[in-house]
PDB file of N, CA and C in Angstrom:
ATOM      1  N   MET A   1       1.540  22.501 -30.497  1.00  0.00           N
ATOM      2  CA  MET A   1       0.631  21.733 -29.617  1.00  0.00           C
ATOM      3  C   MET A   1       0.340  22.475 -28.334  1.00  0.00           C
ATOM      4  N   ASP A   2      -1.022  22.868 -27.816  1.00  0.00           N
ATOM      5  CA  ASP A   2      -1.081  23.553 -26.791  1.00  0.00           C
ATOM      6  C   ASP A   2      -0.986  22.678 -25.533  1.00  0.00           C
ATOM      7  N   ARG A   3       0.045  22.959 -24.542  1.00  0.00           N
ATOM      8  CA  ARG A   3       0.502  22.316 -23.633  1.00  0.00           C
ATOM      9  C   ARG A   3      -0.502  22.123 -22.300  1.00  0.00           C
ATOM     10  N   ASN A   4      -1.535  23.091 -22.242  1.00  0.00           N
ATOM     11  CA  ASN A   4      -2.366  23.164 -21.336  1.00  0.00           C
ATOM     12  C   ASN A   4      -3.635  22.180 -21.472  1.00  0.00           C
ATOM     13  N   ARG A   5      -3.998  21.933 -22.798  1.00  0.00           N
ATOM     14  CA  ARG A   5      -4.860  21.171 -23.120  1.00  0.00           C
ATOM     15  C   ARG A   5      -4.675  19.720 -23.222  1.00  0.00           C
ATOM     16  N   VAL A   6      -5.511  18.679 -22.717  1.00  0.00           N
ATOM     17  CA  VAL A   6      -4.950  17.530 -22.794  1.00  0.00           C
ATOM     18  C   VAL A   6      -6.263  16.630 -23.653  1.00  0.00           C
ATOM     19  N   ASP A   7      -5.961  16.332 -24.933  1.00  0.00           N
ATOM     20  CA  ASP A   7      -6.746  15.785 -25.851  1.00  0.00           C
ATOM     21  C   ASP A   7      -6.246  14.186 -26.074  1.00  0.00           C
ATOM     22  N   ASN A   8      -6.850  13.550 -26.609  1.00  0.00           N
ATOM     23  CA  ASN A   8      -6.520  12.109 -26.689  1.00  0.00           C
ATOM     24  C   ASN A   8      -5.042  11.768 -27.269  1.00  0.00           C
ATOM     25  N   ALA A   9      -4.632  12.551 -28.273  1.00  0.00           N
ATOM     26  CA  ALA A   9      -3.621  12.230 -28.841  1.00  0.00           C
ATOM     27  C   ALA A   9      -2.156  12.755 -27.744  1.00  0.00           C
ATOM     28  N   TYR A  10      -2.370  14.079 -27.382  1.00  0.00           N
ATOM     29  CA  TYR A  10      -1.488  14.275 -26.192  1.00  0.00           C
ATOM     30  C   TYR A  10      -1.539  13.376 -24.895  1.00  0.00           C
ATOM     31  N   ARG A  11      -2.718  13.062 -24.567  1.00  0.00           N
ATOM     32  CA  ARG A  11      -2.706  11.794 -23.439  1.00  0.00           C
ATOM     33  C   ARG A  11      -1.901  10.822 -23.791  1.00  0.00           C
ATOM     34  N   LYS A  12      -1.838  10.299 -24.904  1.00  0.00           N
ATOM     35  CA  LYS A  12      -1.081   9.159 -25.455  1.00  0.00           C
ATOM     36  C   LYS A  12       0.135   9.256 -25.435  1.00  0.00           C
ATOM     37  N   GLN A  13       0.751  10.680 -25.779  1.00  0.00           N
ATOM     38  CA  GLN A  13       2.135  10.890 -25.433  1.00  0.00           C
ATOM     39  C   GLN A  13       2.455  11.039 -24.034  1.00  0.00           C
ATOM     40  N   LEU A  14       1.623  11.651 -23.180  1.00  0.00           N
ATOM     41  CA  LEU A  14       1.920  11.671 -21.842  1.00  0.00           C
ATOM     42  C   LEU A  14       2.021  10.254 -21.044  1.00  0.00           C
ATOM     43  N   LYS A  15       1.139   9.372 -21.479  1.00  0.00           N
ATOM     44  CA  LYS A  15       1.247   7.815 -20.898  1.00  0.00           C
ATOM     45  C   LYS A  15       2.815   7.517 -21.318  1.00  0.00           C
ATOM     46  N   ALA A  16       3.160   7.565 -22.582  1.00  0.00           N
ATOM     47  CA  ALA A  16       4.272   7.081 -23.020  1.00  0.00           C
ATOM     48  C   ALA A  16       5.357   7.583 -22.059  1.00  0.00           C
ATOM     49  N   VAL A  17       5.533   8.931 -21.970  1.00  0.00           N
ATOM     50  CA  VAL A  17       6.616   9.516 -21.089  1.00  0.00           C
ATOM     51  C   VAL A  17       6.342   8.899 -19.622  1.00  0.00           C
ATOM     52  N   GLY A  18       5.140   8.926 -19.065  1.00  0.00           N
ATOM     53  CA  GLY A  18       4.855   8.528 -17.884  1.00  0.00           C
ATOM     54  C   GLY A  18       5.288   7.023 -17.344  1.00  0.00           C
ATOM     55  N   HIS A  19       5.360   6.218 -18.526  1.00  0.00           N
ATOM     56  CA  HIS A  19       5.419   4.790 -18.250  1.00  0.00           C
ATOM     57  C   HIS A  19       6.832   4.830 -17.955  1.00  0.00           C
ATOM     58  N   LYS A  20       7.890   5.411 -17.875  1.00  0.00           N
ATOM     59  CA  LYS A  20       9.106   5.340 -17.384  1.00  0.00           C
ATOM     60  C   LYS A  20       9.507   5.947 -15.987  1.00  0.00           C
ATOM     61  N   LEU A  21       8.517   6.686 -15.654  1.00  0.00           N
ATOM     62  CA  LEU A  21       8.844   7.425 -14.405  1.00  0.00           C
ATOM     63  C   LEU A  21       8.296   6.477 -13.252  1.00  0.00           C
ATOM     64  N   LYS A  22       9.104   6.831 -12.115  1.00  0.00           N
ATOM     65  CA  LYS A  22       8.864   6.206 -10.781  1.00  0.00           C
ATOM     66  C   LYS A  22       7.964   7.309 -10.066  1.00  0.00           C
ATOM     67  N   PRO A  23       7.303   6.620  -9.110  1.00  0.00           N
ATOM     68  CA  PRO A  23       6.514   7.521  -8.255  1.00  0.00           C
ATOM     69  C   PRO A  23       7.310   8.483  -7.526  1.00  0.00           C
ATOM     70  N   ILE A  24       6.805   9.876  -7.447  1.00  0.00           N
ATOM     71  CA  ILE A  24       7.651  10.818  -6.898  1.00  0.00           C
ATOM     72  C   ILE A  24       7.093  11.163  -5.390  1.00  0.00           C
ATOM     73  N   VAL A  25       5.645  10.889  -5.218  1.00  0.00           N
ATOM     74  CA  VAL A  25       5.049  11.119  -4.097  1.00  0.00           C
ATOM     75  C   VAL A  25       4.163   9.873  -3.676  1.00  0.00           C
ATOM     76  N   MET A  26       4.278   9.598  -2.435  1.00  0.00           N
ATOM     77  CA  MET A  26       3.522   8.306  -1.817  1.00  0.00           C
ATOM     78  C   MET A  26       2.684   8.653  -0.855  1.00  0.00           C
ATOM     79  N   ILE A  27       1.333   8.308  -0.847  1.00  0.00           N
ATOM     80  CA  ILE A  27       0.510   8.580   0.301  1.00  0.00           C
ATOM     81  C   ILE A  27      -0.002   7.297   0.710  1.00  0.00           C
ATOM     82  N   ALA A  28       0.027   7.254   2.173  1.00  0.00           N
ATOM     83  CA  ALA A  28      -0.354   5.879   2.690  1.00  0.00           C
ATOM     84  C   ALA A  28      -1.359   6.310   3.931  1.00  0.00           C
ATOM     85  N   GLY A  29      -1.520   5.635   4.792  1.00  0.00           N
ATOM     86  CA  GLY A  29      -2.392   5.677   6.097  1.00  0.00           C
ATOM     87  C   GLY A  29      -2.871   7.188   6.608  1.00  0.00           C
ATOM     88  N   ASN A  30      -1.827   8.147   6.552  1.00  0.00           N
ATOM     89  CA  ASN A  30      -2.059   9.404   7.068  1.00  0.00           C
ATOM     90  C   ASN A  30      -2.943  10.261   6.028  1.00  0.00           C
ATOM     91  N   GLY A  31      -3.038   9.673   4.675  1.00  0.00           N
ATOM     92  CA  GLY A  31      -3.799  10.602   3.799  1.00  0.00           C
ATOM     93  C   GLY A  31      -3.262  11.810   3.197  1.00  0.00           C
ATOM     94  N   ILE A  32      -3.901  12.605   2.871  1.00  0.00           N
ATOM     95  CA  ILE A  32      -3.252  13.799   2.165  1.00  0.00           C
ATOM     96  C   ILE A  32      -3.061  14.801   3.148  1.00  0.00           C
ATOM     97  N   THR A  33      -1.843  15.126   3.727  1.00  0.00           N
ATOM     98  CA  THR A  33      -1.388  16.128   4.740  1.00  0.00           C
ATOM     99  C   THR A  33      -0.889  17.316   3.836  1.00  0.00           C
ATOM    100  N   ASP A  34      -0.574  18.366   4.755  1.00  0.00           N
ATOM    101  CA  ASP A  34      -0.226  19.701   4.093  1.00  0.00           C
ATOM    102  C   ASP A  34       1.206  19.596   3.679  1.00  0.00           C
ATOM    103  N   ALA A  35       1.917  18.506   4.090  1.00  0.00           N
ATOM    104  CA  ALA A  35       3.229  18.408   3.656  1.00  0.00           C
ATOM    105  C   ALA A  35       3.205  17.573   2.140  1.00  0.00           C
ATOM    106  N   ILE A  36       2.309  16.772   2.272  1.00  0.00           N
ATOM    107  CA  ILE A  36       1.977  15.911   0.813  1.00  0.00           C
ATOM    108  C   ILE A  36       1.525  17.019  -0.210  1.00  0.00           C
ATOM    109  N   ASP A  37       0.781  17.630   0.281  1.00  0.00           N
ATOM    110  CA  ASP A  37       0.101  18.841  -0.794  1.00  0.00           C
ATOM    111  C   ASP A  37       1.455  19.851  -1.087  1.00  0.00           C
ATOM    112  N   ALA A  38       2.230  20.068  -0.426  1.00  0.00           N
ATOM    113  CA  ALA A  38       3.343  21.018  -0.380  1.00  0.00           C
ATOM    114  C   ALA A  38       4.470  20.220  -1.755  1.00  0.00           C
ATOM    115  N   GLU A  39       4.346  18.864  -1.426  1.00  0.00           N
ATOM    116  CA  GLU A  39       5.357  18.208  -2.433  1.00  0.00           C
ATOM    117  C   GLU A  39       4.829  17.844  -3.564  1.00  0.00           C
ATOM    118  N   ILE A  40       3.564  17.648  -3.579  1.00  0.00           N
ATOM    119  CA  ILE A  40       2.744  17.505  -5.031  1.00  0.00           C
ATOM    120  C   ILE A  40       2.879  18.694  -5.637  1.00  0.00           C
ATOM    121  N   GLU A  41       2.738  20.134  -5.077  1.00  0.00           N
ATOM    122  CA  GLU A  41       2.650  21.617  -5.761  1.00  0.00           C
ATOM    123  C   GLU A  41       4.217  21.678  -6.317  1.00  0.00           C
ATOM    124  N   ARG A  42       5.203  21.263  -5.453  1.00  0.00           N
ATOM    125  CA  ARG A  42       6.630  21.539  -5.878  1.00  0.00           C
ATOM    126  C   ARG A  42       6.756  20.722  -7.181  1.00  0.00           C
ATOM    127  N   ALA A  43       6.276  19.345  -7.023  1.00  0.00           N
ATOM    128  CA  ALA A  43       6.599  18.285  -8.079  1.00  0.00           C
ATOM    129  C   ALA A  43       5.950  18.712  -9.323  1.00  0.00           C
ATOM    130  N   LEU A  44       4.814  19.101  -9.437  1.00  0.00           N
ATOM    131  CA  LEU A  44       3.999  19.516 -10.417  1.00  0.00           C
ATOM    132  C   LEU A  44       4.782  20.736 -11.295  1.00  0.00           C
ATOM    133  N   GLU A  45       4.960  21.565 -10.458  1.00  0.00           N
ATOM    134  CA  GLU A  45       5.790  22.947 -10.875  1.00  0.00           C
ATOM    135  C   GLU A  45       7.322  22.496 -11.578  1.00  0.00           C
ATOM    136  N   ASP A  46       7.820  21.716 -11.092  1.00  0.00           N
ATOM    137  CA  ASP A  46       9.189  21.142 -11.515  1.00  0.00           C
ATOM    138  C   ASP A  46       9.084  20.291 -12.539  1.00  0.00           C
ATOM    139  N   HIS A  47       8.381  19.322 -12.634  1.00  0.00           N
ATOM    140  CA  HIS A  47       8.368  18.311 -13.610  1.00  0.00           C
ATOM    141  C   HIS A  47       7.176  18.033 -14.247  1.00  0.00           C
ATOM    142  N   GLU A  48       6.106  18.870 -14.196  1.00  0.00           N
ATOM    143  CA  GLU A  48       4.685  18.953 -15.077  1.00  0.00           C
ATOM    144  C   GLU A  48       3.943  17.626 -15.001  1.00  0.00           C
ATOM    145  N   LEU A  49       4.747  16.454 -15.076  1.00  0.00           N
ATOM    146  CA  LEU A  49       4.264  15.138 -15.336  1.00  0.00           C
ATOM    147  C   LEU A  49       4.795  14.197 -14.122  1.00  0.00           C
ATOM    148  N   ILE A  50       3.848  13.665 -13.135  1.00  0.00           N
ATOM    149  CA  ILE A  50       4.523  12.990 -11.894  1.00  0.00           C
ATOM    150  C   ILE A  50       3.482  11.838 -11.883  1.00  0.00           C
ATOM    151  N   LYS A  51       4.078  10.932 -11.218  1.00  0.00           N
ATOM    152  CA  LYS A  51       3.180   9.719 -10.810  1.00  0.00           C
ATOM    153  C   LYS A  51       3.139   9.674  -9.207  1.00  0.00           C
ATOM    154  N   ILE A  52       2.100   9.157  -8.663  1.00  0.00           N
ATOM    155  CA  ILE A  52       1.626   9.345  -7.574  1.00  0.00           C
ATOM    156  C   ILE A  52       1.243   8.052  -7.040  1.00  0.00           C
ATOM    157  N   ARG A  53       1.814   7.403  -5.868  1.00  0.00           N
ATOM    158  CA  ARG A  53       1.297   6.125  -5.453  1.00  0.00           C
ATOM    159  C   ARG A  53       0.489   6.251  -4.288  1.00  0.00           C
ATOM    160  N   ILE A  54      -0.577   5.907  -4.169  1.00  0.00           N
ATOM    161  CA  ILE A  54      -1.723   6.001  -3.196  1.00  0.00           C
ATOM    162  C   ILE A  54      -1.937   4.665  -2.673  1.00  0.00           C
ATOM    163  N   SER A  55      -1.227   4.293  -1.356  1.00  0.00           N
ATOM    164  CA  SER A  55      -1.269   2.968  -0.997  1.00  0.00           C
ATOM    165  C   SER A  55      -2.459   2.975   0.082  1.00  0.00           C
ATOM    166  N   VAL A  56      -3.697   2.930  -0.482  1.00  0.00           N
ATOM    167  CA  VAL A  56      -4.778   2.528   0.544  1.00  0.00           C
ATOM    168  C   VAL A  56      -5.658   1.408  -0.063  1.00  0.00           C
ATOM    169  N   ALA A  57      -6.172   0.593   0.602  1.00  0.00           N
ATOM    170  CA  ALA A  57      -6.854  -0.668   0.054  1.00  0.00           C
ATOM    171  C   ALA A  57      -8.081  -0.511  -0.428  1.00  0.00           C
ATOM    172  N   ASP A  58      -8.895   0.381  -0.236  1.00  0.00           N
ATOM    173  CA  ASP A  58     -10.151   0.661  -0.602  1.00  0.00           C
ATOM    174  C   ASP A  58     -10.011   1.490  -1.894  1.00  0.00           C
ATOM    175  N   ARG A  59     -10.758   0.822  -3.046  1.00  0.00           N
ATOM    176  CA  ARG A  59     -10.620   1.328  -4.347  1.00  0.00           C
ATOM    177  C   ARG A  59     -11.243   2.775  -4.411  1.00  0.00           C
ATOM    178  N   ASP A  60     -12.359   2.926  -3.755  1.00  0.00           N
ATOM    179  CA  ASP A  60     -13.279   4.200  -3.728  1.00  0.00           C
ATOM    180  C   ASP A  60     -12.465   5.256  -3.125  1.00  0.00           C
ATOM    181  N   VAL A  61     -11.973   4.955  -2.053  1.00  0.00           N
ATOM    182  CA  VAL A  61     -11.136   5.936  -1.294  1.00  0.00           C
ATOM    183  C   VAL A  61      -9.921   6.370  -2.135  1.00  0.00           C
ATOM    184  N   ARG A  62      -9.249   5.528  -2.698  1.00  0.00           N
ATOM    185  CA  ARG A  62      -8.141   5.899  -3.891  1.00  0.00           C
ATOM    186  C   ARG A  62      -8.551   6.677  -4.749  1.00  0.00           C
ATOM    187  N   ARG A  63      -9.798   6.489  -5.444  1.00  0.00           N
ATOM    188  CA  ARG A  63     -10.395   7.273  -6.519  1.00  0.00           C
ATOM    189  C   ARG A  63     -10.728   8.692  -5.976  1.00  0.00           C
ATOM    190  N   ASP A  64     -11.197   8.738  -4.803  1.00  0.00           N
ATOM    191  CA  ASP A  64     -11.617  10.137  -4.087  1.00  0.00           C
ATOM    192  C   ASP A  64     -10.397  10.961  -3.775  1.00  0.00           C
ATOM    193  N   MET A  65      -9.336  10.357  -3.416  1.00  0.00           N
ATOM    194  CA  MET A  65      -8.147  10.866  -3.060  1.00  0.00           C
ATOM    195  C   MET A  65      -7.568  11.485  -4.306  1.00  0.00           C
ATOM    196  N   ALA A  66      -7.490  10.538  -5.277  1.00  0.00           N
ATOM    197  CA  ALA A  66      -6.918  11.000  -6.677  1.00  0.00           C
ATOM    198  C   ALA A  66      -7.616  12.339  -7.245  1.00  0.00           C
ATOM    199  N   ASP A  67      -8.964  12.344  -7.057  1.00  0.00           N
ATOM    200  CA  ASP A  67      -9.896  13.306  -7.585  1.00  0.00           C
ATOM    201  C   ASP A  67      -9.575  14.711  -6.756  1.00  0.00           C
ATOM    202  N   GLU A  68      -9.263  14.535  -5.355  1.00  0.00           N
ATOM    203  CA  GLU A  68      -9.188  15.568  -4.595  1.00  0.00           C
ATOM    204  C   GLU A  68      -7.942  16.257  -4.896  1.00  0.00           C
ATOM    205  N   ILE A  69      -6.923  15.415  -5.244  1.00  0.00           N
ATOM    206  CA  ILE A  69      -5.493  15.941  -5.581  1.00  0.00           C
ATOM    207  C   ILE A  69      -5.719  16.708  -6.825  1.00  0.00           C
ATOM    208  N   SER A  70      -6.419  16.106  -7.952  1.00  0.00           N
ATOM    209  CA  SER A  70      -6.479  16.684  -9.060  1.00  0.00           C
ATOM    210  C   SER A  70      -7.300  18.040  -9.067  1.00  0.00           C
ATOM    211  N   ALA A  71      -8.151  18.271  -8.097  1.00  0.00           N
ATOM    212  CA  ALA A  71      -9.071  19.367  -7.873  1.00  0.00           C
ATOM    213  C   ALA A  71      -8.181  20.264  -7.172  1.00  0.00           C
ATOM    214  N   THR A  72      -7.352  20.004  -6.151  1.00  0.00           N
ATOM    215  CA  THR A  72      -6.639  20.889  -5.416  1.00  0.00           C
ATOM    216  C   THR A  72      -5.534  21.582  -5.943  1.00  0.00           C
ATOM    217  N   HIS A  73      -5.006  20.589  -7.012  1.00  0.00           N
ATOM    218  CA  HIS A  73      -3.782  21.177  -7.791  1.00  0.00           C
ATOM    219  C   HIS A  73      -3.994  21.564  -9.088  1.00  0.00           C
ATOM    220  N   LYS A  74      -5.387  21.718  -9.585  1.00  0.00           N
ATOM    221  CA  LYS A  74      -5.686  22.023 -10.954  1.00  0.00           C
ATOM    222  C   LYS A  74      -4.970  21.351 -12.058  1.00  0.00           C
ATOM    223  N   ALA A  75      -4.731  20.033 -11.859  1.00  0.00           N
ATOM    224  CA  ALA A  75      -4.137  18.918 -12.466  1.00  0.00           C
ATOM    225  C   ALA A  75      -4.985  18.099 -13.098  1.00  0.00           C
ATOM    226  N   GLU A  76      -4.689  17.570 -14.388  1.00  0.00           N
ATOM    227  CA  GLU A  76      -5.250  16.475 -15.065  1.00  0.00           C
ATOM    228  C   GLU A  76      -4.768  14.835 -14.551  1.00  0.00           C
ATOM    229  N   ILE A  77      -5.796  14.182 -14.330  1.00  0.00           N
ATOM    230  CA  ILE A  77      -5.347  12.705 -14.025  1.00  0.00           C
ATOM    231  C   ILE A  77      -5.378  12.392 -15.487  1.00  0.00           C
ATOM    232  N   VAL A  78      -4.107  11.825 -16.019  1.00  0.00           N
ATOM    233  CA  VAL A  78      -3.810  11.269 -17.425  1.00  0.00           C
ATOM    234  C   VAL A  78      -4.190   9.834 -17.222  1.00  0.00           C
ATOM    235  N   GLN A  79      -3.788   8.928 -16.149  1.00  0.00           N
ATOM    236  CA  GLN A  79      -3.856   7.559 -16.054  1.00  0.00           C
ATOM    237  C   GLN A  79      -4.084   7.126 -14.598  1.00  0.00           C
ATOM    238  N   ARG A  80      -4.945   6.207 -14.285  1.00  0.00           N
ATOM    239  CA  ARG A  80      -5.175   5.605 -13.029  1.00  0.00           C
ATOM    240  C   ARG A  80      -4.729   3.966 -13.368  1.00  0.00           C
ATOM    241  N   ILE A  81      -3.797   3.595 -12.706  1.00  0.00           N
ATOM    242  CA  ILE A  81      -3.648   2.118 -12.859  1.00  0.00           C
ATOM    243  C   ILE A  81      -3.385   1.491 -11.587  1.00  0.00           C
ATOM    244  N   GLY A  82      -4.355   0.615 -10.846  1.00  0.00           N
ATOM    245  CA  GLY A  82      -4.020   0.387  -9.517  1.00  0.00           C
ATOM    246  C   GLY A  82      -3.918   1.329  -8.265  1.00  0.00           C
ATOM    247  N   ASN A  83      -2.829   1.429  -7.816  1.00  0.00           N
ATOM    248  CA  ASN A  83      -2.751   2.312  -6.776  1.00  0.00           C
ATOM    249  C   ASN A  83      -1.487   3.472  -7.272  1.00  0.00           C
ATOM    250  N   VAL A  84      -1.575   3.694  -8.579  1.00  0.00           N
ATOM    251  CA  VAL A  84      -0.789   4.680  -9.144  1.00  0.00           C
ATOM    252  C   VAL A  84      -1.520   5.429 -10.136  1.00  0.00           C
ATOM    253  N   ILE A  85      -1.182   6.916  -9.779  1.00  0.00           N
ATOM    254  CA  ILE A  85      -1.910   7.852 -10.836  1.00  0.00           C
ATOM    255  C   ILE A  85      -0.814   8.683 -11.604  1.00  0.00           C
ATOM    256  N   LEU A  86      -1.221   8.992 -12.628  1.00  0.00           N
ATOM    257  CA  LEU A  86      -0.182   9.781 -13.419  1.00  0.00           C
ATOM    258  C   LEU A  86      -0.864  11.062 -13.396  1.00  0.00           C
ATOM    259  N   LEU A  87      -0.308  12.180 -13.128  1.00  0.00           N
ATOM    260  CA  LEU A  87      -0.816  13.618 -13.049  1.00  0.00           C
ATOM    261  C   LEU A  87       0.054  14.514 -13.869  1.00  0.00           C
ATOM    262  N   PHE A  88      -0.859  15.496 -14.522  1.00  0.00           N
ATOM    263  CA  PHE A  88      -0.112  16.457 -15.442  1.00  0.00           C
ATOM    264  C   PHE A  88      -0.818  17.881 -15.136  1.00  0.00           C
ATOM    265  N   ARG A  89       0.113  18.812 -15.088  1.00  0.00           N
ATOM    266  CA  ARG A  89      -0.201  20.184 -15.016  1.00  0.00           C
ATOM    267  C   ARG A  89       0.850  20.997 -15.902  1.00  0.00           C
ATOM    268  N   ALA A  90       0.726  21.469 -16.860  1.00  0.00           N
ATOM    269  CA  ALA A  90       1.671  22.615 -17.470  1.00  0.00           C
ATOM    270  C   ALA A  90       2.217  23.629 -16.477  1.00  0.00           C
ATOM    271  N   ALA A  91       3.553  23.742 -16.456  1.00  0.00           N
ATOM    272  CA  ALA A  91       4.030  24.809 -15.679  1.00  0.00           C
ATOM    273  C   ALA A  91       4.041  26.177 -16.211  1.00  0.00           C
ATOM    274  N   LYS A  92       3.758  27.179 -15.460  1.00  0.00           N
ATOM    275  CA  LYS A  92       3.754  28.321 -15.956  1.00  0.00           C
ATOM    276  C   LYS A  92       4.894  28.830 -16.486  1.00  0.00           C
ATOM    277  N   GLN A  93       6.294  28.369 -16.175  1.00  0.00           N
ATOM    278  CA  GLN A  93       7.592  28.691 -16.632  1.00  0.00           C
ATOM    279  C   GLN A  93       8.276  27.331 -16.600  1.00  0.00           C
ATOM    280  N   ALA A  94       8.103  26.377 -17.651  1.00  0.00           N
ATOM    281  CA  ALA A  94       8.946  25.090 -17.671  1.00  0.00           C
ATOM    282  C   ALA A  94      10.375  25.152 -17.674  1.00  0.00           C
ATOM    283  N   LYS A  95      10.871  24.366 -16.865  1.00  0.00           N
ATOM    284  CA  LYS A  95      12.357  24.278 -16.519  1.00  0.00           C
ATOM    285  C   LYS A  95      12.842  23.079 -17.254  1.00  0.00           C
ATOM    286  N   PRO A  96      13.631  23.490 -18.413  1.00  0.00           N
ATOM    287  CA  PRO A  96      14.186  22.305 -19.226  1.00  0.00           C
ATOM    288  C   PRO A  96      15.111  21.234 -18.595  1.00  0.00           C
ATOM    289  N   LYS A  97      15.589  21.524 -17.444  1.00  0.00           N
ATOM    290  CA  LYS A  97      16.658  20.447 -16.808  1.00  0.00           C
ATOM    291  C   LYS A  97      15.588  19.567 -15.959  1.00  0.00           C
ATOM    292  N   LEU A  98      14.390  20.224 -15.463  1.00  0.00           N
ATOM    293  CA  LEU A  98      13.551  19.507 -14.599  1.00  0.00           C
ATOM    294  C   LEU A  98      12.315  18.789 -15.040  1.00  0.00           C
ATOM    295  N   SER A  99      11.749  19.202 -16.268  1.00  0.00           N
ATOM    296  CA  SER A  99      10.490  19.056 -16.791  1.00  0.00           C
ATOM    297  C   SER A  99      10.732  17.381 -17.355  1.00  0.00           C
ATOM    298  N   ASN A 100       9.798  16.868 -16.831  1.00  0.00           N
ATOM    299  CA  ASN A 100       9.904  15.350 -17.741  1.00  0.00           C
ATOM    300  C   ASN A 100       9.459  15.434 -19.094  1.00  0.00           C
ATOM    301  N   LEU A 101       8.591  16.421 -19.320  1.00  0.00           N
ATOM    302  CA  LEU A 101       8.303  16.503 -20.739  1.00  0.00           C
ATOM    303  C   LEU A 101       9.264  17.183 -21.803  1.00  0.00           C
ATOM    304  N   LEU A 102       9.974  18.249 -21.477  1.00  0.00           N
ATOM    305  CA  LEU A 102      10.844  18.635 -22.199  1.00  0.00           C
ATOM    306  C   LEU A 102      12.231  17.860 -22.415  1.00  0.00           C
ATOM    307  N   ARG A 103      12.656  17.282 -21.420  1.00  0.00           N
ATOM    308  CA  ARG A 103      13.476  16.192 -21.595  1.00  0.00           C
ATOM    309  C   ARG A 103      13.145  15.049 -22.099  1.00  0.00           C
ATOM    310  N   LYS A 104      12.160  14.549 -22.111  1.00  0.00           N
ATOM    311  CA  LYS A 104      11.528  13.101 -23.017  1.00  0.00           C
ATOM    312  C   LYS A 104      11.077  13.427 -24.236  1.00  0.00           C
ATOM    313  N   LEU A 105      10.410  14.380 -24.542  1.00  0.00           N
ATOM    314  CA  LEU A 105       9.971  14.454 -25.835  1.00  0.00           C
ATOM    315  C   LEU A 105      10.580  15.200 -26.908  1.00  0.00           C
TER     316      LEU A 105
END
């Protein structure tokens, strides 16, 4: 299976793994800061599959923020449910002890 491509079958597997995860990054009123961007980058590189909670009331703003995060970090939005997005990006060098995919699948 090509881990860089997200087809429907792989997306289903990612959702199953992501269901058990807790949000690793939380975004609130200050929006996406440099520190948040750095944390998302580190988390994606270490874990490959992460949950992010965007605590903003306006649905359109949440969607725009999720799209911005996805584009900035070249990651795939696997799922959006309410304030939480599930984000995936295959690591260049997966770390077996940290990767949510290698530990769970």
